[in-house]
Amino acid sequence: MSATATYRVTGMTCGHCEGAVTEELSALDGVSSVKAVAATGLVTVTSEAPLDHEAVRAAVDEAGYELAGQA
């Protein structure tokens, strides 16, 4: 069974931003897909099980952006 969560990420302004966030979140264990949209600031993550919020925050921070919470 998979889990899908949508997060609000601040600071994304372009396709490069989307790629950076997607790359970091895709590296988390169990993540099967990531869709980042700079225009809305939303990132949708599908994974095998619900993700640890702090792991998501750390991945977004590593990409250079800020996790503003779940949407």
N, C-alpha and C. Protein backbone atom coordinates (compact mmCIF):
# COMPACT_ATOMS: atom_id res chain seq x y z
N MET A 1 0.84 -1.18 0.00
CA MET A 1 0.00 0.00 0.00
C MET A 1 0.89 1.24 0.00
N SER A 2 0.58 2.21 -0.85
CA SER A 2 1.41 3.40 -0.92
C SER A 2 0.75 4.57 -0.18
N ALA A 3 1.57 5.55 0.12
CA ALA A 3 1.11 6.76 0.79
C ALA A 3 1.47 7.95 -0.08
N THR A 4 0.57 8.92 -0.17
CA THR A 4 0.84 10.13 -0.92
C THR A 4 0.63 11.33 0.00
N ALA A 5 1.60 12.25 -0.02
CA ALA A 5 1.51 13.46 0.80
C ALA A 5 1.92 14.65 -0.05
N THR A 6 1.28 15.78 0.18
CA THR A 6 1.63 17.00 -0.52
C THR A 6 2.16 18.00 0.49
N TYR A 7 3.30 18.59 0.15
CA TYR A 7 3.99 19.53 1.02
C TYR A 7 4.09 20.89 0.35
N ARG A 8 4.11 21.94 1.17
CA ARG A 8 4.34 23.29 0.67
C ARG A 8 5.82 23.61 0.90
N VAL A 9 6.50 23.99 -0.18
CA VAL A 9 7.93 24.30 -0.12
C VAL A 9 8.12 25.73 -0.59
N THR A 10 8.79 26.55 0.22
CA THR A 10 9.02 27.94 -0.16
C THR A 10 10.39 28.10 -0.80
N GLY A 11 10.44 29.04 -1.76
CA GLY A 11 11.71 29.37 -2.41
C GLY A 11 11.88 28.80 -3.80
N MET A 12 11.03 27.87 -4.22
CA MET A 12 11.14 27.31 -5.57
C MET A 12 10.62 28.34 -6.58
N THR A 13 11.43 28.62 -7.62
CA THR A 13 11.01 29.62 -8.60
C THR A 13 11.13 29.13 -10.04
N CYS A 14 11.75 27.97 -10.26
CA CYS A 14 11.99 27.55 -11.65
C CYS A 14 12.13 26.02 -11.75
N GLY A 15 12.36 25.57 -12.97
CA GLY A 15 12.54 24.14 -13.20
C GLY A 15 13.76 23.57 -12.49
N HIS A 16 14.82 24.35 -12.38
CA HIS A 16 16.01 23.88 -11.66
C HIS A 16 15.66 23.63 -10.19
N CYS A 17 14.88 24.52 -9.61
CA CYS A 17 14.43 24.36 -8.22
C CYS A 17 13.63 23.07 -8.07
N GLU A 18 12.71 22.85 -9.00
CA GLU A 18 11.91 21.63 -8.97
C GLU A 18 12.80 20.41 -9.02
N GLY A 19 13.81 20.44 -9.88
CA GLY A 19 14.73 19.30 -10.03
C GLY A 19 15.53 19.04 -8.77
N ALA A 20 15.99 20.11 -8.12
CA ALA A 20 16.78 19.94 -6.90
C ALA A 20 15.96 19.31 -5.79
N VAL A 21 14.73 19.78 -5.62
CA VAL A 21 13.85 19.23 -4.58
C VAL A 21 13.48 17.79 -4.92
N THR A 22 13.17 17.54 -6.17
CA THR A 22 12.81 16.18 -6.61
C THR A 22 13.96 15.22 -6.38
N GLU A 23 15.17 15.63 -6.70
CA GLU A 23 16.34 14.76 -6.52
C GLU A 23 16.54 14.37 -5.07
N GLU A 24 16.47 15.35 -4.17
CA GLU A 24 16.70 15.07 -2.74
C GLU A 24 15.59 14.20 -2.15
N LEU A 25 14.34 14.50 -2.48
CA LEU A 25 13.24 13.71 -1.93
C LEU A 25 13.22 12.30 -2.52
N SER A 26 13.60 12.16 -3.78
CA SER A 26 13.63 10.84 -4.42
C SER A 26 14.64 9.92 -3.76
N ALA A 27 15.64 10.50 -3.11
CA ALA A 27 16.68 9.70 -2.47
C ALA A 27 16.23 9.10 -1.13
N LEU A 28 15.10 9.55 -0.60
CA LEU A 28 14.61 9.00 0.66
C LEU A 28 14.12 7.56 0.45
N ASP A 29 14.37 6.72 1.43
CA ASP A 29 13.94 5.32 1.37
C ASP A 29 12.44 5.21 1.17
N GLY A 30 12.05 4.40 0.20
CA GLY A 30 10.64 4.09 -0.02
C GLY A 30 9.91 5.04 -0.96
N VAL A 31 10.57 6.14 -1.39
CA VAL A 31 9.90 7.09 -2.27
C VAL A 31 9.85 6.53 -3.68
N SER A 32 8.65 6.52 -4.27
CA SER A 32 8.49 6.00 -5.63
C SER A 32 8.29 7.10 -6.66
N SER A 33 7.76 8.26 -6.24
CA SER A 33 7.63 9.37 -7.19
C SER A 33 7.55 10.70 -6.45
N VAL A 34 8.02 11.74 -7.14
CA VAL A 34 7.98 13.09 -6.60
C VAL A 34 7.56 14.02 -7.74
N LYS A 35 6.62 14.92 -7.45
CA LYS A 35 6.23 15.93 -8.43
C LYS A 35 6.29 17.28 -7.74
N ALA A 36 7.27 18.11 -8.17
CA ALA A 36 7.42 19.45 -7.61
C ALA A 36 6.94 20.47 -8.64
N VAL A 37 6.18 21.45 -8.19
CA VAL A 37 5.66 22.50 -9.08
C VAL A 37 6.03 23.86 -8.47
N ALA A 38 7.00 24.53 -9.09
CA ALA A 38 7.48 25.80 -8.57
C ALA A 38 6.38 26.85 -8.55
N ALA A 39 5.53 26.87 -9.55
CA ALA A 39 4.48 27.89 -9.66
C ALA A 39 3.53 27.89 -8.46
N THR A 40 3.29 26.72 -7.90
CA THR A 40 2.38 26.62 -6.75
C THR A 40 3.12 26.43 -5.43
N GLY A 41 4.39 26.02 -5.51
CA GLY A 41 5.15 25.72 -4.30
C GLY A 41 4.77 24.40 -3.68
N LEU A 42 4.09 23.55 -4.46
CA LEU A 42 3.63 22.27 -3.91
C LEU A 42 4.49 21.13 -4.43
N VAL A 43 4.75 20.18 -3.55
CA VAL A 43 5.50 18.97 -3.89
C VAL A 43 4.69 17.78 -3.42
N THR A 44 4.36 16.88 -4.34
CA THR A 44 3.61 15.68 -4.01
C THR A 44 4.56 14.49 -4.05
N VAL A 45 4.57 13.74 -2.95
CA VAL A 45 5.48 12.61 -2.80
C VAL A 45 4.66 11.34 -2.59
N THR A 46 4.95 10.32 -3.39
CA THR A 46 4.33 9.01 -3.20
C THR A 46 5.42 8.07 -2.70
N SER A 47 5.09 7.32 -1.66
CA SER A 47 6.06 6.41 -1.05
C SER A 47 5.37 5.13 -0.60
N GLU A 48 6.20 4.15 -0.25
CA GLU A 48 5.68 2.85 0.18
C GLU A 48 4.91 2.96 1.50
N ALA A 49 5.33 3.89 2.35
CA ALA A 49 4.71 4.11 3.65
C ALA A 49 4.82 5.60 3.97
N PRO A 50 4.04 6.11 4.91
CA PRO A 50 4.17 7.53 5.26
C PRO A 50 5.61 7.87 5.65
N LEU A 51 6.06 9.03 5.19
CA LEU A 51 7.43 9.46 5.45
C LEU A 51 7.54 10.21 6.77
N ASP A 52 8.71 10.11 7.38
CA ASP A 52 9.02 10.86 8.58
C ASP A 52 9.12 12.34 8.21
N HIS A 53 8.38 13.18 8.91
CA HIS A 53 8.34 14.61 8.60
C HIS A 53 9.74 15.24 8.65
N GLU A 54 10.53 14.85 9.64
CA GLU A 54 11.87 15.43 9.78
C GLU A 54 12.78 15.00 8.63
N ALA A 55 12.59 13.79 8.10
CA ALA A 55 13.38 13.33 6.96
C ALA A 55 13.03 14.15 5.72
N VAL A 56 11.75 14.45 5.56
CA VAL A 56 11.31 15.28 4.43
C VAL A 56 11.89 16.68 4.59
N ARG A 57 11.81 17.24 5.79
CA ARG A 57 12.36 18.58 6.05
C ARG A 57 13.86 18.62 5.74
N ALA A 58 14.59 17.60 6.18
CA ALA A 58 16.04 17.56 5.95
C ALA A 58 16.36 17.49 4.46
N ALA A 59 15.58 16.71 3.71
CA ALA A 59 15.82 16.59 2.27
C ALA A 59 15.56 17.91 1.56
N VAL A 60 14.48 18.59 1.93
CA VAL A 60 14.16 19.89 1.33
C VAL A 60 15.23 20.92 1.70
N ASP A 61 15.68 20.90 2.96
CA ASP A 61 16.76 21.80 3.39
C ASP A 61 18.03 21.54 2.59
N GLU A 62 18.35 20.27 2.37
CA GLU A 62 19.55 19.89 1.61
C GLU A 62 19.48 20.44 0.19
N ALA A 63 18.27 20.52 -0.36
CA ALA A 63 18.08 21.05 -1.71
C ALA A 63 18.20 22.57 -1.72
N GLY A 64 18.15 23.19 -0.55
CA GLY A 64 18.29 24.65 -0.47
C GLY A 64 16.98 25.40 -0.32
N TYR A 65 15.93 24.70 0.09
CA TYR A 65 14.61 25.32 0.20
C TYR A 65 14.05 25.06 1.58
N GLU A 66 12.86 25.59 1.85
CA GLU A 66 12.28 25.45 3.18
C GLU A 66 10.93 24.74 3.11
N LEU A 67 10.79 23.75 3.96
CA LEU A 67 9.51 23.04 4.07
C LEU A 67 8.59 23.89 4.94
N ALA A 68 7.46 24.31 4.37
CA ALA A 68 6.52 25.17 5.09
C ALA A 68 5.39 24.36 5.71
N GLY A 69 5.38 23.04 5.48
CA GLY A 69 4.36 22.18 6.07
C GLY A 69 3.63 21.37 5.02
N GLN A 70 2.65 20.60 5.46
CA GLN A 70 1.84 19.80 4.54
C GLN A 70 0.73 20.68 4.00
N ALA A 71 0.40 20.43 2.74
CA ALA A 71 -0.67 21.21 2.09
C ALA A 71 -1.98 20.49 2.19
